[in-house]
C-alpha atoms as a PDB file:
ATOM      1  CA  MET A   1     119.236 178.605 187.537  1.00  0.00           C
ATOM      2  CA  LYS A   2     117.804 175.295 188.741  1.00  0.00           C
ATOM      3  CA  ILE A   3     117.526 175.120 192.536  1.00  0.00           C
ATOM      4  CA  LEU A   4     116.788 172.190 194.842  1.00  0.00           C
ATOM      5  CA  LEU A   5     115.051 172.993 198.147  1.00  0.00           C
ATOM      6  CA  ILE A   6     115.498 170.557 201.027  1.00  0.00           C
ATOM      7  CA  GLY A   7     113.412 171.544 204.043  1.00  0.00           C
ATOM      8  CA  ALA A   8     110.289 173.209 202.661  1.00  0.00           C
ATOM      9  CA  GLY A   9     109.175 174.943 205.850  1.00  0.00           C
ATOM     10  CA  SER A  10     107.827 178.466 206.017  1.00  0.00           C
ATOM     11  CA  VAL A  11     111.188 180.246 205.609  1.00  0.00           C
ATOM     12  CA  GLY A  12     112.686 178.115 202.832  1.00  0.00           C
ATOM     13  CA  THR A  13     109.437 177.965 200.892  1.00  0.00           C
ATOM     14  CA  TYR A  14     108.883 181.730 201.069  1.00  0.00           C
ATOM     15  CA  PHE A  15     112.345 182.661 199.842  1.00  0.00           C
ATOM     16  CA  CYS A  16     112.438 179.982 197.147  1.00  0.00           C
ATOM     17  CA  GLY A  17     109.006 181.113 195.982  1.00  0.00           C
ATOM     18  CA  ARG A  18     110.394 184.603 195.551  1.00  0.00           C
ATOM     19  CA  ALA A  19     113.343 183.165 193.605  1.00  0.00           C
ATOM     20  CA  VAL A  20     110.843 181.443 191.303  1.00  0.00           C
ATOM     21  CA  GLN A  21     109.188 184.823 190.764  1.00  0.00           C
ATOM     22  CA  GLY A  22     112.646 186.118 189.859  1.00  0.00           C
ATOM     23  CA  GLY A  23     113.092 183.437 187.203  1.00  0.00           C
ATOM     24  CA  ALA A  24     114.492 180.381 188.995  1.00  0.00           C
ATOM     25  CA  GLU A  25     113.407 176.813 188.327  1.00  0.00           C
ATOM     26  CA  LEU A  26     112.697 174.975 191.585  1.00  0.00           C
ATOM     27  CA  GLU A  27     112.675 171.333 192.624  1.00  0.00           C
ATOM     28  CA  VAL A  28     111.337 170.586 196.120  1.00  0.00           C
ATOM     29  CA  VAL A  29     111.754 167.534 198.341  1.00  0.00           C
ATOM     30  CA  ALA A  30     108.346 166.874 199.920  1.00  0.00           C
ATOM     31  CA  HIS A  31     108.385 163.983 202.369  1.00  0.00           C
ATOM     32  CA  ARG A  32     104.877 164.789 203.591  1.00  0.00           C
ATOM     33  CA  GLN A  33     101.707 165.238 201.490  1.00  0.00           C
ATOM     34  CA  TRP A  34     103.531 164.839 198.191  1.00  0.00           C
ATOM     35  CA  GLU A  35     100.242 164.563 196.307  1.00  0.00           C
ATOM     36  CA  LYS A  36      98.831 167.797 197.764  1.00  0.00           C
ATOM     37  CA  ILE A  37     101.917 169.848 196.950  1.00  0.00           C
ATOM     38  CA  SER A  38     102.190 168.319 193.470  1.00  0.00           C
ATOM     39  CA  ALA A  39      98.571 169.206 192.741  1.00  0.00           C
ATOM     40  CA  GLU A  40      98.226 172.581 194.449  1.00  0.00           C
ATOM     41  CA  GLY A  41     101.734 174.010 194.734  1.00  0.00           C
ATOM     42  CA  TYR A  42     102.297 176.640 197.413  1.00  0.00           C
ATOM     43  CA  ARG A  43     100.227 179.649 198.435  1.00  0.00           C
ATOM     44  CA  ILE A  44     101.925 182.588 200.128  1.00  0.00           C
ATOM     45  CA  LYS A  45     100.008 185.275 202.018  1.00  0.00           C
ATOM     46  CA  SER A  46     102.521 188.087 202.326  1.00  0.00           C
ATOM     47  CA  ILE A  47     102.724 191.664 203.541  1.00  0.00           C
ATOM     48  CA  CYS A  48     104.650 192.255 200.305  1.00  0.00           C
ATOM     49  CA  GLY A  49     101.863 190.850 198.125  1.00  0.00           C
ATOM     50  CA  ASP A  50     100.207 187.442 197.976  1.00  0.00           C
ATOM     51  CA  PHE A  51     101.325 184.923 195.372  1.00  0.00           C
ATOM     52  CA  SER A  52     101.327 181.225 194.569  1.00  0.00           C
ATOM     53  CA  PHE A  53     103.722 178.995 192.673  1.00  0.00           C
ATOM     54  CA  HIS A  54     104.255 175.426 191.545  1.00  0.00           C
ATOM     55  CA  PRO A  55     107.696 173.785 191.741  1.00  0.00           C
ATOM     56  CA  SER A  56     108.905 172.366 188.444  1.00  0.00           C
ATOM     57  CA  ARG A  57     109.292 169.001 190.197  1.00  0.00           C
ATOM     58  CA  VAL A  58     108.154 167.660 193.585  1.00  0.00           C
ATOM     59  CA  LEU A  59     110.408 164.852 194.803  1.00  0.00           C
ATOM     60  CA  HIS A  60     109.877 162.082 197.323  1.00  0.00           C
ATOM     61  CA  SER A  61     113.575 162.122 198.209  1.00  0.00           C
ATOM     62  CA  VAL A  62     116.832 163.893 197.373  1.00  0.00           C
ATOM     63  CA  ALA A  63     117.932 160.848 195.366  1.00  0.00           C
ATOM     64  CA  GLU A  64     115.410 161.831 192.654  1.00  0.00           C
ATOM     65  CA  VAL A  65     117.068 165.204 191.991  1.00  0.00           C
ATOM     66  CA  SER A  66     117.889 166.233 188.424  1.00  0.00           C
ATOM     67  CA  SER A  67     121.535 165.724 187.519  1.00  0.00           C
ATOM     68  CA  ASP A  68     121.851 169.298 186.198  1.00  0.00           C
ATOM     69  CA  ILE A  69     120.869 171.052 189.436  1.00  0.00           C
ATOM     70  CA  ASP A  70     122.791 174.336 189.872  1.00  0.00           C
ATOM     71  CA  MET A  71     122.391 175.001 193.579  1.00  0.00           C
ATOM     72  CA  VAL A  72     121.028 173.355 196.739  1.00  0.00           C
ATOM     73  CA  ILE A  73     119.206 175.248 199.485  1.00  0.00           C
ATOM     74  CA  LEU A  74     119.026 173.448 202.839  1.00  0.00           C
ATOM     75  CA  SER A  75     116.417 175.027 205.103  1.00  0.00           C
ATOM     76  CA  THR A  76     115.702 172.296 207.634  1.00  0.00           C
ATOM     77  CA  LYS A  77     115.839 172.803 211.378  1.00  0.00           C
ATOM     78  CA  VAL A  78     119.280 172.134 212.873  1.00  0.00           C
ATOM     79  CA  LEU A  79     118.472 169.223 215.192  1.00  0.00           C
ATOM     80  CA  PRO A  80     120.472 166.194 216.422  1.00  0.00           C
ATOM     81  CA  GLU A  81     117.967 163.845 214.816  1.00  0.00           C
ATOM     82  CA  ILE A  82     118.270 165.479 211.376  1.00  0.00           C
ATOM     83  CA  ASP A  83     121.335 164.125 209.592  1.00  0.00           C
ATOM     84  CA  ARG A  84     122.144 167.049 207.321  1.00  0.00           C
ATOM     85  CA  VAL A  85     125.118 165.277 205.741  1.00  0.00           C
ATOM     86  CA  SER A  86     122.997 162.280 204.714  1.00  0.00           C
ATOM     87  CA  LEU A  87     120.305 164.587 203.339  1.00  0.00           C
ATOM     88  CA  LEU A  88     122.787 166.476 201.187  1.00  0.00           C
ATOM     89  CA  LYS A  89     125.009 163.602 200.080  1.00  0.00           C
ATOM     90  CA  PRO A  90     123.041 162.415 196.986  1.00  0.00           C
ATOM     91  CA  VAL A  91     123.118 165.865 195.426  1.00  0.00           C
ATOM     92  CA  ALA A  92     126.423 167.115 196.863  1.00  0.00           C
ATOM     93  CA  ASP A  93     128.218 164.156 195.290  1.00  0.00           C
ATOM     94  CA  LEU A  94     127.036 164.981 191.763  1.00  0.00           C
ATOM     95  CA  PRO A  95     129.985 165.573 189.375  1.00  0.00           C
ATOM     96  CA  SER A  96     129.173 169.301 189.247  1.00  0.00           C
ATOM     97  CA  HIS A  97     129.516 169.622 193.058  1.00  0.00           C
ATOM     98  CA  PRO A  98     126.766 172.278 193.307  1.00  0.00           C
ATOM     99  CA  PRO A  99     126.996 174.997 195.973  1.00  0.00           C
ATOM    100  CA  LEU A 100     125.237 174.167 199.251  1.00  0.00           C
ATOM    101  CA  VAL A 101     123.284 177.103 200.700  1.00  0.00           C
ATOM    102  CA  LEU A 102     122.413 176.895 204.410  1.00  0.00           C
ATOM    103  CA  ILE A 103     119.388 179.059 205.276  1.00  0.00           C
ATOM    104  CA  GLN A 104     119.415 177.935 208.899  1.00  0.00           C
ATOM    105  CA  ASN A 105     119.557 179.340 212.398  1.00  0.00           C
ATOM    106  CA  GLY A 106     122.353 179.061 214.906  1.00  0.00           C
ATOM    107  CA  ILE A 107     126.071 179.328 215.394  1.00  0.00           C
ATOM    108  CA  GLY A 108     128.748 176.771 214.502  1.00  0.00           C
ATOM    109  CA  ILE A 109     126.525 175.078 211.923  1.00  0.00           C
ATOM    110  CA  GLU A 110     128.740 175.295 208.823  1.00  0.00           C
ATOM    111  CA  GLU A 111     131.761 173.268 209.982  1.00  0.00           C
ATOM    112  CA  GLU A 112     130.064 169.870 209.687  1.00  0.00           C
ATOM    113  CA  ILE A 113     128.966 170.558 206.099  1.00  0.00           C
ATOM    114  CA  VAL A 114     132.323 171.978 204.996  1.00  0.00           C
ATOM    115  CA  ALA A 115     134.127 168.941 206.438  1.00  0.00           C
ATOM    116  CA  ALA A 116     131.745 166.465 204.783  1.00  0.00           C
ATOM    117  CA  PHE A 117     131.786 168.111 201.341  1.00  0.00           C
ATOM    118  CA  PRO A 118     135.142 169.861 200.786  1.00  0.00           C
ATOM    119  CA  ASP A 119     134.614 170.000 197.011  1.00  0.00           C
ATOM    120  CA  ASN A 120     131.314 171.894 197.268  1.00  0.00           C
ATOM    121  CA  PRO A 121     131.147 175.642 197.879  1.00  0.00           C
ATOM    122  CA  VAL A 122     129.245 176.197 201.121  1.00  0.00           C
ATOM    123  CA  ILE A 123     127.225 179.397 201.401  1.00  0.00           C
ATOM    124  CA  SER A 124     125.953 180.558 204.771  1.00  0.00           C
ATOM    125  CA  CYS A 125     122.704 182.510 204.570  1.00  0.00           C
ATOM    126  CA  ILE A 126     121.022 184.446 207.381  1.00  0.00           C
ATOM    127  CA  ALA A 127     117.303 185.175 207.127  1.00  0.00           C
ATOM    128  CA  TYR A 128     115.474 188.021 208.809  1.00  0.00           C
ATOM    129  CA  ILE A 129     111.783 187.229 208.442  1.00  0.00           C
ATOM    130  CA  GLY A 130     108.533 186.670 210.242  1.00  0.00           C
ATOM    131  CA  ALA A 131     106.883 183.637 208.662  1.00  0.00           C
ATOM    132  CA  SER A 132     104.668 180.763 209.745  1.00  0.00           C
ATOM    133  CA  ARG A 133     102.793 177.893 208.144  1.00  0.00           C
ATOM    134  CA  SER A 134      99.068 177.229 208.645  1.00  0.00           C
ATOM    135  CA  GLU A 135      98.990 174.204 206.324  1.00  0.00           C
ATOM    136  CA  ILE A 136     101.674 172.130 204.644  1.00  0.00           C
ATOM    137  CA  ASN A 137     101.507 174.381 201.557  1.00  0.00           C
ATOM    138  CA  HIS A 138     100.126 177.633 203.011  1.00  0.00           C
ATOM    139  CA  ILE A 139     102.726 180.165 204.225  1.00  0.00           C
ATOM    140  CA  TYR A 140     102.011 183.423 206.070  1.00  0.00           C
ATOM    141  CA  HIS A 141     104.712 186.102 205.727  1.00  0.00           C
ATOM    142  CA  SER A 142     104.115 188.725 208.431  1.00  0.00           C
ATOM    143  CA  GLY A 143     107.303 190.787 208.698  1.00  0.00           C
ATOM    144  CA  ALA A 144     110.713 191.657 207.243  1.00  0.00           C
ATOM    145  CA  GLY A 145     112.015 189.231 204.599  1.00  0.00           C
ATOM    146  CA  ARG A 146     115.664 189.878 203.799  1.00  0.00           C
ATOM    147  CA  LEU A 147     118.743 187.702 203.396  1.00  0.00           C
ATOM    148  CA  ILE A 148     122.474 188.105 204.010  1.00  0.00           C
ATOM    149  CA  ALA A 149     124.680 185.490 202.349  1.00  0.00           C
ATOM    150  CA  GLY A 150     128.373 184.782 202.075  1.00  0.00           C
ATOM    151  CA  GLU A 151     130.778 182.107 200.883  1.00  0.00           C
ATOM    152  CA  VAL A 152     132.325 180.047 203.678  1.00  0.00           C
ATOM    153  CA  ASN A 153     135.014 177.796 202.214  1.00  0.00           C
ATOM    154  CA  ARG A 154     135.479 178.464 198.485  1.00  0.00           C
ATOM    155  CA  SER A 155     134.187 180.526 195.579  1.00  0.00           C
ATOM    156  CA  SER A 156     130.900 179.507 193.995  1.00  0.00           C
ATOM    157  CA  GLY A 157     132.068 180.750 190.608  1.00  0.00           C
ATOM    158  CA  GLY A 158     129.503 183.527 190.424  1.00  0.00           C
ATOM    159  CA  LYS A 159     126.540 181.355 191.430  1.00  0.00           C
ATOM    160  CA  LEU A 160     125.999 183.230 194.707  1.00  0.00           C
ATOM    161  CA  LYS A 161     125.816 186.497 192.779  1.00  0.00           C
ATOM    162  CA  LYS A 162     123.289 184.960 190.373  1.00  0.00           C
ATOM    163  CA  LEU A 163     121.191 183.582 193.243  1.00  0.00           C
ATOM    164  CA  ALA A 164     121.147 186.997 194.901  1.00  0.00           C
ATOM    165  CA  GLU A 165     119.979 188.544 191.624  1.00  0.00           C
ATOM    166  CA  LEU A 166     117.111 186.024 191.433  1.00  0.00           C
ATOM    167  CA  PHE A 167     116.022 186.855 194.980  1.00  0.00           C
ATOM    168  CA  ARG A 168     116.151 190.583 194.241  1.00  0.00           C
ATOM    169  CA  ALA A 169     114.193 190.111 191.017  1.00  0.00           C
ATOM    170  CA  GLY A 170     111.538 188.396 193.138  1.00  0.00           C
ATOM    171  CA  GLY A 171     111.388 191.319 195.568  1.00  0.00           C
ATOM    172  CA  VAL A 172     113.724 190.079 198.328  1.00  0.00           C
ATOM    173  CA  GLU A 173     116.497 192.252 199.696  1.00  0.00           C
ATOM    174  CA  CYS A 174     119.586 190.030 199.473  1.00  0.00           C
ATOM    175  CA  GLU A 175     123.007 191.276 200.567  1.00  0.00           C
ATOM    176  CA  ILE A 176     126.273 189.476 199.815  1.00  0.00           C
ATOM    177  CA  SER A 177     128.689 189.756 202.738  1.00  0.00           C
ATOM    178  CA  ARG A 178     132.437 189.256 202.716  1.00  0.00           C
ATOM    179  CA  ASN A 179     132.323 188.600 206.474  1.00  0.00           C
ATOM    180  CA  ILE A 180     129.491 186.140 206.901  1.00  0.00           C
ATOM    181  CA  ALA A 181     130.844 185.017 210.303  1.00  0.00           C
ATOM    182  CA  LEU A 182     130.161 188.520 211.652  1.00  0.00           C
ATOM    183  CA  GLU A 183     126.649 188.454 210.215  1.00  0.00           C
ATOM    184  CA  ARG A 184     125.903 185.045 211.764  1.00  0.00           C
ATOM    185  CA  TRP A 185     127.043 186.258 215.183  1.00  0.00           C
ATOM    186  CA  ARG A 186     125.020 189.439 214.664  1.00  0.00           C
ATOM    187  CA  LYS A 187     121.924 187.285 214.049  1.00  0.00           C
ATOM    188  CA  LEU A 188     122.741 185.321 217.210  1.00  0.00           C
ATOM    189  CA  LEU A 189     122.380 188.603 219.102  1.00  0.00           C
ATOM    190  CA  TRP A 190     118.680 188.277 218.262  1.00  0.00           C
ATOM    191  CA  ASN A 191     118.211 184.517 218.182  1.00  0.00           C
ATOM    192  CA  LEU A 192     119.844 183.672 221.488  1.00  0.00           C
ATOM    193  CA  PRO A 193     117.703 185.882 223.742  1.00  0.00           C
ATOM    194  CA  PHE A 194     114.426 186.044 221.860  1.00  0.00           C
ATOM    195  CA  ASN A 195     113.917 182.434 220.794  1.00  0.00           C
ATOM    196  CA  PRO A 196     114.574 180.726 224.165  1.00  0.00           C
ATOM    197  CA  LEU A 197     112.863 183.393 226.271  1.00  0.00           C
ATOM    198  CA  SER A 198     109.732 183.300 224.120  1.00  0.00           C
ATOM    199  CA  VAL A 199     109.342 179.658 225.213  1.00  0.00           C
ATOM    200  CA  LEU A 200     110.611 179.955 228.776  1.00  0.00           C
ATOM    201  CA  GLY A 201     108.412 183.002 229.369  1.00  0.00           C
ATOM    202  CA  GLY A 202     105.292 180.918 228.744  1.00  0.00           C
ATOM    203  CA  GLY A 203     104.580 181.993 225.169  1.00  0.00           C
ATOM    204  CA  LEU A 204     105.835 185.572 224.849  1.00  0.00           C
ATOM    205  CA  ASN A 205     105.655 187.330 221.499  1.00  0.00           C
ATOM    206  CA  THR A 206     108.302 189.792 220.357  1.00  0.00           C
ATOM    207  CA  ARG A 207     106.367 192.808 221.625  1.00  0.00           C
ATOM    208  CA  GLU A 208     106.113 191.253 225.099  1.00  0.00           C
ATOM    209  CA  LEU A 209     109.817 190.389 225.099  1.00  0.00           C
ATOM    210  CA  CYS A 210     110.617 194.074 224.477  1.00  0.00           C
ATOM    211  CA  ASP A 211     108.523 195.175 227.463  1.00  0.00           C
ATOM    212  CA  GLY A 212     110.909 197.865 228.717  1.00  0.00           C
ATOM    213  CA  GLY A 213     111.164 195.981 232.005  1.00  0.00           C
ATOM    214  CA  GLU A 214     112.672 192.831 233.482  1.00  0.00           C
ATOM    215  CA  VAL A 215     112.202 190.619 230.427  1.00  0.00           C
ATOM    216  CA  GLU A 216     113.897 193.113 228.126  1.00  0.00           C
ATOM    217  CA  SER A 217     116.690 193.496 230.693  1.00  0.00           C
ATOM    218  CA  LEU A 218     117.279 189.748 230.560  1.00  0.00           C
ATOM    219  CA  CYS A 219     117.365 189.899 226.747  1.00  0.00           C
ATOM    220  CA  SER A 220     119.964 192.645 227.037  1.00  0.00           C
ATOM    221  CA  LYS A 221     122.034 190.592 229.499  1.00  0.00           C
ATOM    222  CA  LEU A 222     122.064 187.636 227.113  1.00  0.00           C
ATOM    223  CA  MET A 223     123.148 189.969 224.320  1.00  0.00           C
ATOM    224  CA  ASP A 224     126.065 191.167 226.439  1.00  0.00           C
ATOM    225  CA  GLU A 225     127.181 187.558 226.886  1.00  0.00           C
ATOM    226  CA  VAL A 226     127.023 186.998 223.119  1.00  0.00           C
ATOM    227  CA  ILE A 227     129.137 190.114 222.532  1.00  0.00           C
ATOM    228  CA  GLU A 228     131.793 189.000 225.045  1.00  0.00           C
ATOM    229  CA  VAL A 229     132.169 185.537 223.501  1.00  0.00           C
ATOM    230  CA  ALA A 230     132.104 186.858 219.931  1.00  0.00           C
ATOM    231  CA  ASN A 231     134.872 189.335 220.760  1.00  0.00           C
ATOM    232  CA  ALA A 232     136.932 186.491 222.242  1.00  0.00           C
ATOM    233  CA  CYS A 233     136.506 184.735 218.871  1.00  0.00           C
ATOM    234  CA  GLN A 234     137.806 187.864 217.090  1.00  0.00           C
ATOM    235  CA  VAL A 235     134.331 188.804 215.849  1.00  0.00           C
ATOM    236  CA  PRO A 236     133.752 192.556 216.362  1.00  0.00           C
ATOM    237  CA  LEU A 237     130.228 192.629 217.781  1.00  0.00           C
ATOM    238  CA  THR A 238     129.374 195.811 219.680  1.00  0.00           C
ATOM    239  CA  ARG A 239     126.760 196.982 222.159  1.00  0.00           C
ATOM    240  CA  ALA A 240     125.475 199.367 219.490  1.00  0.00           C
ATOM    241  CA  MET A 241     124.613 196.335 217.325  1.00  0.00           C
ATOM    242  CA  ALA A 242     122.642 194.855 220.229  1.00  0.00           C
ATOM    243  CA  ASP A 243     120.752 198.105 220.723  1.00  0.00           C
ATOM    244  CA  GLU A 244     119.920 198.131 217.011  1.00  0.00           C
ATOM    245  CA  GLN A 245     118.451 194.627 217.342  1.00  0.00           C
ATOM    246  CA  LEU A 246     116.309 195.691 220.307  1.00  0.00           C
ATOM    247  CA  GLU A 247     115.042 198.764 218.472  1.00  0.00           C
ATOM    248  CA  TYR A 248     114.343 196.669 215.360  1.00  0.00           C
ATOM    249  CA  THR A 249     112.258 194.253 217.431  1.00  0.00           C
ATOM    250  CA  ARG A 250     110.308 197.000 219.190  1.00  0.00           C
ATOM    251  CA  ASN A 251     109.185 198.272 215.785  1.00  0.00           C
ATOM    252  CA  PHE A 252     108.463 194.792 214.408  1.00  0.00           C
ATOM    253  CA  PRO A 253     104.855 193.517 214.364  1.00  0.00           C
ATOM    254  CA  ALA A 254     104.116 191.373 217.438  1.00  0.00           C
ATOM    255  CA  TYR A 255     105.292 187.957 216.332  1.00  0.00           C
ATOM    256  CA  LYS A 256     105.778 184.474 217.769  1.00  0.00           C
ATOM    257  CA  THR A 257     109.377 183.360 217.287  1.00  0.00           C
ATOM    258  CA  SER A 258     110.051 180.241 215.237  1.00  0.00           C
ATOM    259  CA  MET A 259     111.082 178.395 218.404  1.00  0.00           C
ATOM    260  CA  LEU A 260     107.822 179.283 220.126  1.00  0.00           C
ATOM    261  CA  GLN A 261     105.859 178.139 217.068  1.00  0.00           C
ATOM    262  CA  ASP A 262     107.728 174.826 217.194  1.00  0.00           C
ATOM    263  CA  PHE A 263     107.107 174.441 220.929  1.00  0.00           C
ATOM    264  CA  GLU A 264     103.387 175.144 220.684  1.00  0.00           C
ATOM    265  CA  THR A 265     102.943 172.617 217.888  1.00  0.00           C
ATOM    266  CA  GLY A 266     104.980 169.940 219.658  1.00  0.00           C
ATOM    267  CA  ARG A 267     107.938 170.053 217.291  1.00  0.00           C
ATOM    268  CA  PRO A 268     111.519 169.644 218.620  1.00  0.00           C
ATOM    269  CA  LEU A 269     113.491 172.789 219.419  1.00  0.00           C
ATOM    270  CA  GLU A 270     116.841 173.922 218.004  1.00  0.00           C
ATOM    271  CA  VAL A 271     118.383 174.082 221.469  1.00  0.00           C
ATOM    272  CA  ASP A 272     121.973 173.311 220.486  1.00  0.00           C
ATOM    273  CA  ALA A 273     122.055 175.387 217.311  1.00  0.00           C
ATOM    274  CA  VAL A 274     120.666 178.497 218.979  1.00  0.00           C
ATOM    275  CA  ILE A 275     122.147 178.354 222.483  1.00  0.00           C
ATOM    276  CA  GLY A 276     123.901 175.048 223.273  1.00  0.00           C
ATOM    277  CA  ASN A 277     126.679 175.548 220.717  1.00  0.00           C
ATOM    278  CA  PHE A 278     127.188 179.077 222.036  1.00  0.00           C
ATOM    279  CA  VAL A 279     127.625 177.827 225.615  1.00  0.00           C
ATOM    280  CA  ALA A 280     130.150 175.252 224.368  1.00  0.00           C
ATOM    281  CA  ILE A 281     132.120 177.966 222.534  1.00  0.00           C
ATOM    282  CA  ALA A 282     132.074 180.140 225.682  1.00  0.00           C
ATOM    283  CA  ARG A 283     133.479 177.282 227.748  1.00  0.00           C
ATOM    284  CA  ARG A 284     136.276 176.727 225.233  1.00  0.00           C
ATOM    285  CA  CYS A 285     137.077 180.427 225.546  1.00  0.00           C
ATOM    286  CA  ARG A 286     136.873 180.141 229.372  1.00  0.00           C
ATOM    287  CA  ILE A 287     134.154 182.771 229.536  1.00  0.00           C
ATOM    288  CA  HIS A 288     131.363 182.430 232.097  1.00  0.00           C
ATOM    289  CA  VAL A 289     127.916 182.990 230.591  1.00  0.00           C
ATOM    290  CA  PRO A 290     125.526 182.306 233.493  1.00  0.00           C
ATOM    291  CA  ALA A 291     122.360 183.641 231.857  1.00  0.00           C
ATOM    292  CA  ALA A 292     122.867 181.589 228.688  1.00  0.00           C
ATOM    293  CA  GLU A 293     123.825 178.457 230.673  1.00  0.00           C
ATOM    294  CA  THR A 294     120.662 178.743 232.766  1.00  0.00           C
ATOM    295  CA  CYS A 295     118.443 179.275 229.723  1.00  0.00           C
ATOM    296  CA  ALA A 296     120.055 176.338 227.886  1.00  0.00           C
ATOM    297  CA  THR A 297     119.529 173.989 230.843  1.00  0.00           C
ATOM    298  CA  VAL A 298     115.881 174.895 231.369  1.00  0.00           C
ATOM    299  CA  LEU A 299     115.156 174.972 227.639  1.00  0.00           C
ATOM    300  CA  ARG A 300     116.473 171.420 227.230  1.00  0.00           C
ATOM    301  CA  MET A 301     114.156 170.278 230.022  1.00  0.00           C
ATOM    302  CA  ALA A 302     111.186 172.060 228.459  1.00  0.00           C
ATOM    303  CA  ASP A 303     112.000 170.563 225.056  1.00  0.00           C
ATOM    304  CA  ARG A 304     112.283 167.042 226.506  1.00  0.00           C
ATOM    305  CA  LYS A 305     108.973 167.279 228.369  1.00  0.00           C
ATOM    306  CA  ASN A 306     107.265 168.746 225.303  1.00  0.00           C
ATOM    307  CA  ARG A 307     108.516 165.875 223.140  1.00  0.00           C
ATOM    308  CA  GLU A 308     107.238 163.349 225.701  1.00  0.00           C
ATOM    309  CA  LYS A 309     103.735 164.808 225.384  1.00  0.00           C
END
């Protein structure tokens, strides 16, 4: 299988590197430091074993993609200034209409892609991983590292199954779900409290967020709001699922969330994808979510001031 990776950050690069270990051929779009990546490839320091790999091709832009690409993985941040449709269009419009795999955070992120490319299978993929990047081509994998994927709009003709097999051959646990909407809301149970509060708390890691006190209580309150809205959308989230997420995080190595990493390095935050879209869904359902509304408002202010710096 020949895969194109758009958005070679820590998460996308790690998982695609594992797919290469499983036998995939990988093309990567590298807007920054093309020469360095072409010459050195990627180096992964991982709790599951260090490795390095070279993409088969390093591209300046998506327009250079091979015409026989089998699958596209989009792993960019979900930000207003990133036009995901424009990024995908050169490859999505190929005669083969390759499946588009979204390894991205947030809720309500698939609709735009499905509407723009109705002839392409869209696959939603949720990542559970602790990963960061020290250099453009140096990735540090510190915890977890599993994927849950499911088809959103149409069958991929067996390509999702083949992709999952490549990930597994490379050592990644990859589950195929028939109810990917449930899994995305389940991930939001974690993303919505932990990502914003890590920033708003002044730089809290996951261990500090699960402090057994007031901060953890606020995380739990935000989880309750997610459950209420999900249930209104006919998604069967439960309090037991929230408790599982809290217990999972307590036993996870102390880790800076991806949003906190972005904030500390001056990168824009996924405010809408992680919490803004959720607040909008709650309002459509006429459900009051005061904790999430407050966090979204303050997080937008923090993001704006951080960008101005």
